[in-house]
């Protein structure tokens, strides 16, 4: 089993999608399909990532973004990370629900990640075959916050980054 290194492009996690389109950004926009956008890093080793913003359905006005990234130099493909606008409860788990399937993600700071590349592959496959995904997280304030993500366009942007970021 490959050890996961969780290399979600940290430079971009706190940046609004619009800021990534700025010419001074360290990411070049590759394309957009429906609710997903693909980028290629212009800084250091080649990295590609796709992202989408989730809608807060809890009423708390918090945001979340999901990233799918490829790091060909270290043979990482379709790594999943979710970044939240709030601190997560230390030691808590976030839950992703797609149809009747549920996935548990460990949390650290403002991020949630899959521990196993095998589970990550199943999650990506489920995402490709569905229209929406729900993410439940636990804020450090004690609040449970739910986000709905559209998966429309996800298959296309993942195909795009898989074609651009290859060894």
N, C-alpha and C. Protein backbone atom coordinates (compact mmCIF):
# COMPACT_ATOMS: atom_id res chain seq x y z
N UNK A 1 0.85 -1.19 0.00
CA UNK A 1 0.00 0.00 0.00
C UNK A 1 0.89 1.24 0.00
N UNK A 2 0.54 2.21 -0.83
CA UNK A 2 1.29 3.45 -0.94
C UNK A 2 0.97 4.36 0.26
N UNK A 3 1.98 4.98 0.83
CA UNK A 3 1.78 5.91 1.93
C UNK A 3 1.26 7.23 1.36
N UNK A 4 0.20 7.73 1.93
CA UNK A 4 -0.41 8.98 1.47
C UNK A 4 0.37 10.15 2.06
N UNK A 5 0.60 11.17 1.26
CA UNK A 5 1.38 12.31 1.74
C UNK A 5 0.56 13.59 1.85
N UNK A 6 -0.68 13.58 1.38
CA UNK A 6 -1.60 14.71 1.52
C UNK A 6 -0.98 16.02 1.06
N UNK A 7 -0.78 16.09 -0.24
CA UNK A 7 -0.13 17.24 -0.84
C UNK A 7 -1.11 18.17 -1.52
N UNK A 8 -2.34 18.22 -1.06
CA UNK A 8 -3.30 19.15 -1.65
C UNK A 8 -2.61 20.50 -1.77
N UNK A 9 -2.77 21.17 -2.89
CA UNK A 9 -2.00 22.40 -3.13
C UNK A 9 -2.30 23.47 -2.08
N UNK A 10 -1.54 23.45 -1.01
CA UNK A 10 -1.81 24.31 0.14
C UNK A 10 -1.77 25.79 -0.19
N UNK A 11 -1.00 26.18 -1.18
CA UNK A 11 -0.96 27.59 -1.54
C UNK A 11 -2.31 28.09 -2.00
N UNK A 12 -3.14 27.19 -2.48
CA UNK A 12 -4.39 27.60 -3.10
C UNK A 12 -5.59 27.36 -2.20
N UNK A 13 -5.42 26.68 -1.07
CA UNK A 13 -6.56 26.29 -0.25
C UNK A 13 -7.37 27.46 0.27
N UNK A 14 -6.73 28.54 0.63
CA UNK A 14 -7.46 29.65 1.21
C UNK A 14 -7.83 30.70 0.17
N UNK A 15 -7.51 30.45 -1.08
CA UNK A 15 -7.75 31.44 -2.13
C UNK A 15 -9.09 31.20 -2.80
N UNK A 16 -9.86 32.25 -3.01
CA UNK A 16 -11.08 32.07 -3.77
C UNK A 16 -10.75 31.63 -5.19
N UNK A 17 -11.67 30.92 -5.82
CA UNK A 17 -11.45 30.44 -7.18
C UNK A 17 -11.11 31.61 -8.10
N UNK A 18 -11.75 32.76 -7.92
CA UNK A 18 -11.50 33.92 -8.77
C UNK A 18 -10.05 34.37 -8.67
N UNK A 19 -9.45 34.29 -7.48
CA UNK A 19 -8.06 34.72 -7.30
C UNK A 19 -7.10 33.82 -8.05
N UNK A 20 -7.48 32.56 -8.24
CA UNK A 20 -6.61 31.65 -8.98
C UNK A 20 -6.54 32.01 -10.45
N UNK A 21 -7.50 32.78 -10.95
CA UNK A 21 -7.49 33.20 -12.34
C UNK A 21 -6.64 34.44 -12.57
N UNK A 22 -6.16 35.07 -11.51
CA UNK A 22 -5.32 36.25 -11.59
C UNK A 22 -4.00 35.86 -12.26
N UNK A 23 -3.49 36.71 -13.14
CA UNK A 23 -2.26 36.39 -13.88
C UNK A 23 -1.05 36.23 -12.97
N UNK A 24 -1.09 36.78 -11.76
CA UNK A 24 0.02 36.63 -10.83
C UNK A 24 -0.07 35.35 -10.02
N UNK A 25 -1.16 34.63 -10.16
CA UNK A 25 -1.36 33.38 -9.43
C UNK A 25 -0.32 32.36 -9.84
N UNK A 26 -0.05 31.42 -8.96
CA UNK A 26 0.89 30.35 -9.25
C UNK A 26 0.18 29.15 -9.87
N UNK A 27 -1.05 29.36 -10.34
CA UNK A 27 -1.81 28.29 -10.98
C UNK A 27 -2.38 28.79 -12.30
N UNK A 28 -2.32 27.94 -13.31
CA UNK A 28 -2.90 28.27 -14.62
C UNK A 28 -4.19 27.48 -14.77
N UNK A 29 -5.24 28.17 -15.16
CA UNK A 29 -6.53 27.53 -15.34
C UNK A 29 -6.48 26.66 -16.61
N UNK A 30 -6.84 25.38 -16.44
CA UNK A 30 -6.87 24.46 -17.56
C UNK A 30 -8.24 24.39 -18.22
N UNK A 31 -9.28 24.57 -17.43
CA UNK A 31 -10.63 24.50 -17.98
C UNK A 31 -11.67 24.40 -16.88
N UNK A 32 -12.90 24.60 -17.28
CA UNK A 32 -14.03 24.48 -16.35
C UNK A 32 -15.11 23.66 -17.02
N UNK A 33 -15.68 22.74 -16.26
CA UNK A 33 -16.80 21.94 -16.71
C UNK A 33 -17.87 22.03 -15.64
N UNK A 34 -18.98 22.64 -16.01
CA UNK A 34 -20.11 22.82 -15.10
C UNK A 34 -19.64 23.40 -13.77
N UNK A 35 -19.68 22.63 -12.68
CA UNK A 35 -19.39 23.17 -11.35
C UNK A 35 -17.96 22.91 -10.87
N UNK A 36 -17.08 22.46 -11.76
CA UNK A 36 -15.70 22.12 -11.40
C UNK A 36 -14.72 22.89 -12.27
N UNK A 37 -13.57 23.25 -11.67
CA UNK A 37 -12.52 23.98 -12.37
C UNK A 37 -11.21 23.21 -12.20
N UNK A 38 -10.40 23.17 -13.27
CA UNK A 38 -9.11 22.48 -13.23
C UNK A 38 -7.98 23.50 -13.37
N UNK A 39 -6.88 23.26 -12.64
CA UNK A 39 -5.71 24.13 -12.64
C UNK A 39 -4.45 23.30 -12.72
N UNK A 40 -3.38 23.94 -13.20
CA UNK A 40 -2.04 23.37 -13.18
C UNK A 40 -1.14 24.34 -12.44
N UNK A 41 -0.35 23.83 -11.51
CA UNK A 41 0.58 24.66 -10.77
C UNK A 41 1.67 25.17 -11.70
N UNK A 42 2.04 26.42 -11.52
CA UNK A 42 3.14 27.02 -12.30
C UNK A 42 4.38 27.20 -11.42
N UNK A 43 4.41 26.54 -10.28
CA UNK A 43 5.48 26.75 -9.32
C UNK A 43 6.04 25.40 -8.89
N UNK A 44 7.29 25.15 -9.18
CA UNK A 44 7.92 23.91 -8.73
C UNK A 44 7.52 22.71 -9.56
N UNK A 45 7.44 21.55 -8.91
CA UNK A 45 7.08 20.32 -9.60
C UNK A 45 5.65 20.39 -10.11
N UNK A 46 5.43 19.77 -11.24
CA UNK A 46 4.11 19.79 -11.87
C UNK A 46 3.06 19.18 -10.94
N UNK A 47 2.00 19.93 -10.73
CA UNK A 47 0.85 19.50 -9.94
C UNK A 47 -0.40 20.01 -10.63
N UNK A 48 -1.39 19.16 -10.74
CA UNK A 48 -2.68 19.58 -11.29
C UNK A 48 -3.74 19.33 -10.23
N UNK A 49 -4.76 20.17 -10.23
CA UNK A 49 -5.84 19.92 -9.29
C UNK A 49 -7.15 20.44 -9.86
N UNK A 50 -8.21 19.79 -9.41
CA UNK A 50 -9.58 20.18 -9.74
C UNK A 50 -10.25 20.57 -8.43
N UNK A 51 -11.15 21.54 -8.51
CA UNK A 51 -11.83 21.94 -7.28
C UNK A 51 -13.26 22.36 -7.56
N UNK A 52 -14.04 22.28 -6.50
CA UNK A 52 -15.42 22.75 -6.53
C UNK A 52 -15.77 23.26 -5.14
N UNK A 53 -16.64 24.23 -5.09
CA UNK A 53 -17.09 24.77 -3.81
C UNK A 53 -18.43 24.15 -3.44
N UNK A 54 -18.55 23.81 -2.17
CA UNK A 54 -19.79 23.25 -1.67
C UNK A 54 -20.71 24.33 -1.14
N UNK A 55 -21.99 24.04 -1.14
CA UNK A 55 -22.98 24.95 -0.58
C UNK A 55 -23.26 24.54 0.86
N UNK A 56 -23.21 25.49 1.78
CA UNK A 56 -23.51 25.22 3.18
C UNK A 56 -25.01 25.02 3.30
N UNK A 57 -25.42 23.89 3.79
CA UNK A 57 -26.85 23.63 3.95
C UNK A 57 -27.27 23.65 5.41
N UNK A 58 -26.37 24.10 6.28
CA UNK A 58 -26.66 24.17 7.71
C UNK A 58 -27.12 25.55 8.14
N UNK A 59 -26.94 26.54 7.28
CA UNK A 59 -27.33 27.90 7.64
C UNK A 59 -26.25 28.68 8.36
N UNK A 60 -25.02 28.15 8.45
CA UNK A 60 -23.96 28.82 9.21
C UNK A 60 -23.11 29.75 8.37
N UNK A 61 -23.34 29.80 7.05
CA UNK A 61 -22.58 30.66 6.14
C UNK A 61 -21.10 30.32 6.06
N UNK A 62 -20.75 29.08 6.33
CA UNK A 62 -19.37 28.62 6.21
C UNK A 62 -19.18 28.01 4.82
N UNK A 63 -17.95 27.98 4.34
CA UNK A 63 -17.70 27.38 3.03
C UNK A 63 -16.77 26.19 3.14
N UNK A 64 -16.80 25.39 2.10
CA UNK A 64 -15.89 24.24 1.98
C UNK A 64 -15.56 24.07 0.50
N UNK A 65 -14.36 23.57 0.23
CA UNK A 65 -13.93 23.26 -1.13
C UNK A 65 -13.36 21.86 -1.15
N UNK A 66 -13.66 21.15 -2.20
CA UNK A 66 -13.06 19.83 -2.38
C UNK A 66 -12.02 19.94 -3.49
N UNK A 67 -10.89 19.29 -3.27
CA UNK A 67 -9.78 19.28 -4.22
C UNK A 67 -9.48 17.84 -4.61
N UNK A 68 -9.21 17.64 -5.86
CA UNK A 68 -8.69 16.37 -6.36
C UNK A 68 -7.39 16.73 -7.05
N UNK A 69 -6.27 16.17 -6.58
CA UNK A 69 -4.99 16.60 -7.13
C UNK A 69 -4.12 15.44 -7.59
N UNK A 70 -3.27 15.76 -8.56
CA UNK A 70 -2.30 14.81 -9.11
C UNK A 70 -0.91 15.38 -8.92
N UNK A 71 0.01 14.52 -8.48
CA UNK A 71 1.42 14.87 -8.26
C UNK A 71 2.27 13.81 -8.96
N UNK A 72 2.46 13.95 -10.29
CA UNK A 72 3.14 12.88 -11.04
C UNK A 72 4.57 12.60 -10.59
N UNK A 73 5.29 13.56 -10.06
CA UNK A 73 6.69 13.34 -9.65
C UNK A 73 6.79 12.30 -8.54
N UNK A 74 5.73 12.18 -7.74
CA UNK A 74 5.76 11.20 -6.64
C UNK A 74 4.66 10.15 -6.80
N UNK A 75 4.13 10.04 -8.02
CA UNK A 75 3.17 8.99 -8.37
C UNK A 75 1.89 9.03 -7.51
N UNK A 76 1.38 10.22 -7.27
CA UNK A 76 0.10 10.38 -6.57
C UNK A 76 -0.92 10.86 -7.59
N UNK A 77 -2.04 10.13 -7.68
CA UNK A 77 -3.09 10.50 -8.62
C UNK A 77 -4.44 10.50 -7.89
N UNK A 78 -5.21 11.54 -8.18
CA UNK A 78 -6.57 11.68 -7.64
C UNK A 78 -6.62 11.67 -6.12
N UNK A 79 -5.74 12.44 -5.51
CA UNK A 79 -5.75 12.61 -4.06
C UNK A 79 -6.88 13.56 -3.69
N UNK A 80 -7.68 13.18 -2.71
CA UNK A 80 -8.84 13.96 -2.28
C UNK A 80 -8.52 14.73 -1.01
N UNK A 81 -8.93 15.97 -0.97
CA UNK A 81 -8.85 16.78 0.25
C UNK A 81 -10.00 17.75 0.27
N UNK A 82 -10.53 17.98 1.45
CA UNK A 82 -11.60 18.97 1.61
C UNK A 82 -11.08 20.03 2.58
N UNK A 83 -11.21 21.29 2.19
CA UNK A 83 -10.75 22.40 3.03
C UNK A 83 -11.97 23.21 3.46
N UNK A 84 -12.01 23.54 4.74
CA UNK A 84 -13.14 24.27 5.32
C UNK A 84 -12.71 25.67 5.74
N UNK A 85 -13.67 26.58 5.83
CA UNK A 85 -13.38 27.95 6.25
C UNK A 85 -13.34 28.09 7.77
N UNK A 86 -13.37 27.00 8.47
CA UNK A 86 -13.42 27.01 9.93
C UNK A 86 -12.56 25.87 10.46
N UNK A 87 -12.13 26.01 11.71
CA UNK A 87 -11.35 24.96 12.35
C UNK A 87 -12.26 23.79 12.69
N UNK A 88 -11.72 22.60 12.49
CA UNK A 88 -12.46 21.38 12.79
C UNK A 88 -12.14 20.91 14.21
N UNK A 89 -13.08 20.22 14.79
CA UNK A 89 -12.90 19.67 16.13
C UNK A 89 -11.72 18.70 16.09
N UNK A 90 -10.70 18.91 16.94
CA UNK A 90 -9.54 18.02 16.93
C UNK A 90 -9.96 16.57 17.15
N UNK A 91 -9.42 15.68 16.33
CA UNK A 91 -9.72 14.26 16.45
C UNK A 91 -11.05 13.83 15.85
N UNK A 92 -11.81 14.78 15.30
CA UNK A 92 -13.11 14.43 14.72
C UNK A 92 -12.94 13.80 13.35
N UNK A 93 -13.98 13.19 12.86
CA UNK A 93 -14.02 12.63 11.52
C UNK A 93 -15.05 13.43 10.72
N UNK A 94 -14.79 13.61 9.46
CA UNK A 94 -15.80 14.15 8.55
C UNK A 94 -16.37 12.97 7.79
N UNK A 95 -17.61 13.13 7.36
CA UNK A 95 -18.28 12.04 6.66
C UNK A 95 -18.73 12.52 5.29
N UNK A 96 -18.40 11.75 4.25
CA UNK A 96 -18.86 12.01 2.90
C UNK A 96 -19.93 10.97 2.59
N UNK A 97 -21.07 11.44 2.08
CA UNK A 97 -22.15 10.54 1.68
C UNK A 97 -22.47 10.78 0.21
N UNK A 98 -22.42 9.70 -0.56
CA UNK A 98 -22.79 9.73 -1.97
C UNK A 98 -23.78 8.61 -2.17
N UNK A 99 -25.04 8.96 -2.42
CA UNK A 99 -26.08 7.94 -2.49
C UNK A 99 -26.16 7.24 -1.16
N UNK A 100 -26.05 5.92 -1.15
CA UNK A 100 -26.10 5.16 0.10
C UNK A 100 -24.71 4.83 0.64
N UNK A 101 -23.66 5.28 -0.05
CA UNK A 101 -22.29 5.00 0.37
C UNK A 101 -21.75 6.12 1.26
N UNK A 102 -21.06 5.73 2.32
CA UNK A 102 -20.45 6.68 3.25
C UNK A 102 -18.95 6.44 3.34
N UNK A 103 -18.21 7.53 3.46
CA UNK A 103 -16.75 7.48 3.58
C UNK A 103 -16.35 8.32 4.77
N UNK A 104 -15.42 7.82 5.57
CA UNK A 104 -14.93 8.54 6.74
C UNK A 104 -13.59 9.19 6.39
N UNK A 105 -13.44 10.45 6.76
CA UNK A 105 -12.20 11.19 6.51
C UNK A 105 -11.63 11.66 7.84
N UNK A 106 -10.33 11.54 8.01
CA UNK A 106 -9.71 12.09 9.21
C UNK A 106 -9.54 13.59 9.00
N UNK A 107 -9.47 14.34 10.09
CA UNK A 107 -9.36 15.79 9.98
C UNK A 107 -8.08 16.27 10.65
N UNK A 108 -7.62 17.41 10.14
CA UNK A 108 -6.46 18.08 10.73
C UNK A 108 -6.62 19.57 10.43
N UNK A 109 -6.70 20.38 11.46
CA UNK A 109 -6.86 21.81 11.27
C UNK A 109 -8.16 22.14 10.56
N UNK A 110 -8.04 22.59 9.33
CA UNK A 110 -9.21 22.93 8.51
C UNK A 110 -9.39 21.97 7.34
N UNK A 111 -8.72 20.81 7.39
CA UNK A 111 -8.78 19.88 6.27
C UNK A 111 -9.29 18.51 6.67
N UNK A 112 -9.84 17.80 5.69
CA UNK A 112 -10.30 16.42 5.86
C UNK A 112 -9.72 15.59 4.72
N UNK A 113 -9.24 14.39 5.05
CA UNK A 113 -8.51 13.58 4.08
C UNK A 113 -8.86 12.10 4.24
N UNK A 114 -8.66 11.36 3.14
CA UNK A 114 -8.83 9.91 3.13
C UNK A 114 -7.49 9.28 3.51
N UNK A 115 -7.51 8.27 4.37
CA UNK A 115 -6.27 7.65 4.81
C UNK A 115 -5.70 6.64 3.83
N UNK A 116 -6.53 6.02 3.04
CA UNK A 116 -6.11 4.92 2.18
C UNK A 116 -6.35 5.24 0.71
N UNK A 117 -5.36 4.95 -0.12
CA UNK A 117 -5.53 5.19 -1.56
C UNK A 117 -6.60 4.28 -2.16
N UNK A 118 -6.81 3.10 -1.58
CA UNK A 118 -7.87 2.21 -2.06
C UNK A 118 -9.25 2.82 -1.82
N UNK A 119 -9.45 3.37 -0.63
CA UNK A 119 -10.73 4.02 -0.32
C UNK A 119 -10.89 5.28 -1.16
N UNK A 120 -9.80 5.99 -1.35
CA UNK A 120 -9.82 7.20 -2.18
C UNK A 120 -10.27 6.88 -3.61
N UNK A 121 -9.79 5.78 -4.15
CA UNK A 121 -10.19 5.37 -5.50
C UNK A 121 -11.69 5.07 -5.54
N UNK A 122 -12.20 4.38 -4.53
CA UNK A 122 -13.65 4.10 -4.48
C UNK A 122 -14.45 5.39 -4.39
N UNK A 123 -13.97 6.34 -3.60
CA UNK A 123 -14.67 7.62 -3.47
C UNK A 123 -14.69 8.35 -4.81
N UNK A 124 -13.56 8.41 -5.50
CA UNK A 124 -13.51 9.08 -6.80
C UNK A 124 -14.45 8.38 -7.79
N UNK A 125 -14.45 7.06 -7.80
CA UNK A 125 -15.36 6.33 -8.69
C UNK A 125 -16.82 6.64 -8.38
N UNK A 126 -17.18 6.69 -7.09
CA UNK A 126 -18.55 7.03 -6.70
C UNK A 126 -18.90 8.46 -7.13
N UNK A 127 -17.94 9.37 -6.97
CA UNK A 127 -18.18 10.76 -7.36
C UNK A 127 -18.45 10.86 -8.86
N UNK A 128 -17.71 10.09 -9.66
CA UNK A 128 -17.88 10.13 -11.11
C UNK A 128 -19.26 9.65 -11.55
N UNK A 129 -19.89 8.81 -10.75
CA UNK A 129 -21.17 8.23 -11.14
C UNK A 129 -22.39 8.87 -10.50
N UNK A 130 -22.23 10.02 -9.84
CA UNK A 130 -23.34 10.65 -9.14
C UNK A 130 -23.38 12.15 -9.40
N UNK A 131 -24.48 12.77 -9.02
CA UNK A 131 -24.67 14.21 -9.25
C UNK A 131 -24.35 15.07 -8.04
N UNK A 132 -24.51 14.52 -6.83
CA UNK A 132 -24.27 15.32 -5.62
C UNK A 132 -23.59 14.47 -4.55
N UNK A 133 -22.99 15.19 -3.62
CA UNK A 133 -22.28 14.58 -2.51
C UNK A 133 -22.51 15.46 -1.29
N UNK A 134 -22.73 14.84 -0.14
CA UNK A 134 -22.89 15.57 1.11
C UNK A 134 -21.65 15.35 1.99
N UNK A 135 -21.22 16.41 2.66
CA UNK A 135 -20.10 16.32 3.59
C UNK A 135 -20.55 16.87 4.93
N UNK A 136 -20.38 16.06 5.96
CA UNK A 136 -20.70 16.47 7.33
C UNK A 136 -19.39 16.67 8.08
N UNK A 137 -19.28 17.83 8.73
CA UNK A 137 -18.06 18.12 9.49
C UNK A 137 -18.44 18.63 10.86
N UNK A 138 -17.47 18.62 11.76
CA UNK A 138 -17.69 19.07 13.14
C UNK A 138 -16.72 20.19 13.46
N UNK A 139 -17.26 21.40 13.55
CA UNK A 139 -16.45 22.59 13.82
C UNK A 139 -15.94 22.56 15.25
N UNK A 140 -14.82 23.24 15.49
CA UNK A 140 -14.27 23.31 16.84
C UNK A 140 -15.22 24.02 17.80
N UNK A 141 -16.17 24.78 17.26
CA UNK A 141 -17.19 25.45 18.09
C UNK A 141 -18.23 24.47 18.60
N UNK A 142 -18.20 23.22 18.12
CA UNK A 142 -19.17 22.21 18.53
C UNK A 142 -20.32 22.05 17.53
N UNK A 143 -20.37 22.91 16.56
CA UNK A 143 -21.44 22.87 15.57
C UNK A 143 -21.17 21.79 14.52
N UNK A 144 -22.22 21.08 14.12
CA UNK A 144 -22.14 20.15 12.99
C UNK A 144 -22.58 20.92 11.76
N UNK A 145 -21.75 20.92 10.74
CA UNK A 145 -22.03 21.70 9.52
C UNK A 145 -22.06 20.75 8.34
N UNK A 146 -23.06 20.91 7.49
CA UNK A 146 -23.21 20.08 6.30
C UNK A 146 -23.04 20.92 5.05
N UNK A 147 -22.35 20.35 4.08
CA UNK A 147 -22.13 21.00 2.79
C UNK A 147 -22.59 20.05 1.68
N UNK A 148 -23.23 20.61 0.67
CA UNK A 148 -23.62 19.83 -0.51
C UNK A 148 -22.71 20.24 -1.66
N UNK A 149 -22.13 19.27 -2.33
CA UNK A 149 -21.27 19.51 -3.48
C UNK A 149 -21.94 18.96 -4.72
N UNK A 150 -21.93 19.77 -5.77
CA UNK A 150 -22.36 19.28 -7.07
C UNK A 150 -21.20 18.48 -7.65
N UNK A 151 -21.52 17.38 -8.27
CA UNK A 151 -20.50 16.57 -8.94
C UNK A 151 -20.61 16.71 -10.45
N UNK A 152 -21.46 17.63 -10.90
CA UNK A 152 -21.61 17.87 -12.34
C UNK A 152 -20.31 18.49 -12.87
N UNK A 153 -19.70 17.83 -13.84
CA UNK A 153 -18.44 18.30 -14.41
C UNK A 153 -17.20 17.68 -13.79
N UNK A 154 -17.38 16.97 -12.69
CA UNK A 154 -16.23 16.39 -11.99
C UNK A 154 -15.50 15.37 -12.86
N UNK A 155 -16.25 14.50 -13.53
CA UNK A 155 -15.64 13.47 -14.38
C UNK A 155 -14.75 14.12 -15.45
N UNK A 156 -15.24 15.20 -16.05
CA UNK A 156 -14.50 15.86 -17.13
C UNK A 156 -13.22 16.53 -16.64
N UNK A 157 -13.27 17.21 -15.48
CA UNK A 157 -12.05 17.86 -15.00
C UNK A 157 -11.02 16.85 -14.51
N UNK A 158 -11.47 15.75 -13.95
CA UNK A 158 -10.52 14.72 -13.53
C UNK A 158 -9.85 14.10 -14.76
N UNK A 159 -10.62 13.87 -15.82
CA UNK A 159 -10.03 13.39 -17.07
C UNK A 159 -9.01 14.39 -17.60
N UNK A 160 -9.33 15.68 -17.50
CA UNK A 160 -8.42 16.73 -17.95
C UNK A 160 -7.11 16.72 -17.16
N UNK A 161 -7.19 16.74 -15.82
CA UNK A 161 -5.96 16.77 -15.03
C UNK A 161 -5.18 15.46 -15.17
N UNK A 162 -5.89 14.34 -15.36
CA UNK A 162 -5.20 13.06 -15.57
C UNK A 162 -4.41 13.09 -16.88
N UNK A 163 -4.89 13.82 -17.87
CA UNK A 163 -4.18 13.92 -19.15
C UNK A 163 -3.01 14.89 -19.12
N UNK A 164 -3.11 15.94 -18.31
CA UNK A 164 -2.05 16.96 -18.25
C UNK A 164 -0.95 16.57 -17.27
N UNK A 165 -1.32 16.03 -16.14
CA UNK A 165 -0.34 15.69 -15.11
C UNK A 165 -0.07 14.19 -15.12
N UNK A 166 0.80 13.80 -16.04
CA UNK A 166 1.22 12.41 -16.13
C UNK A 166 2.73 12.35 -15.99
N UNK A 167 3.24 11.21 -15.61
CA UNK A 167 4.69 11.03 -15.46
C UNK A 167 5.38 11.14 -16.78
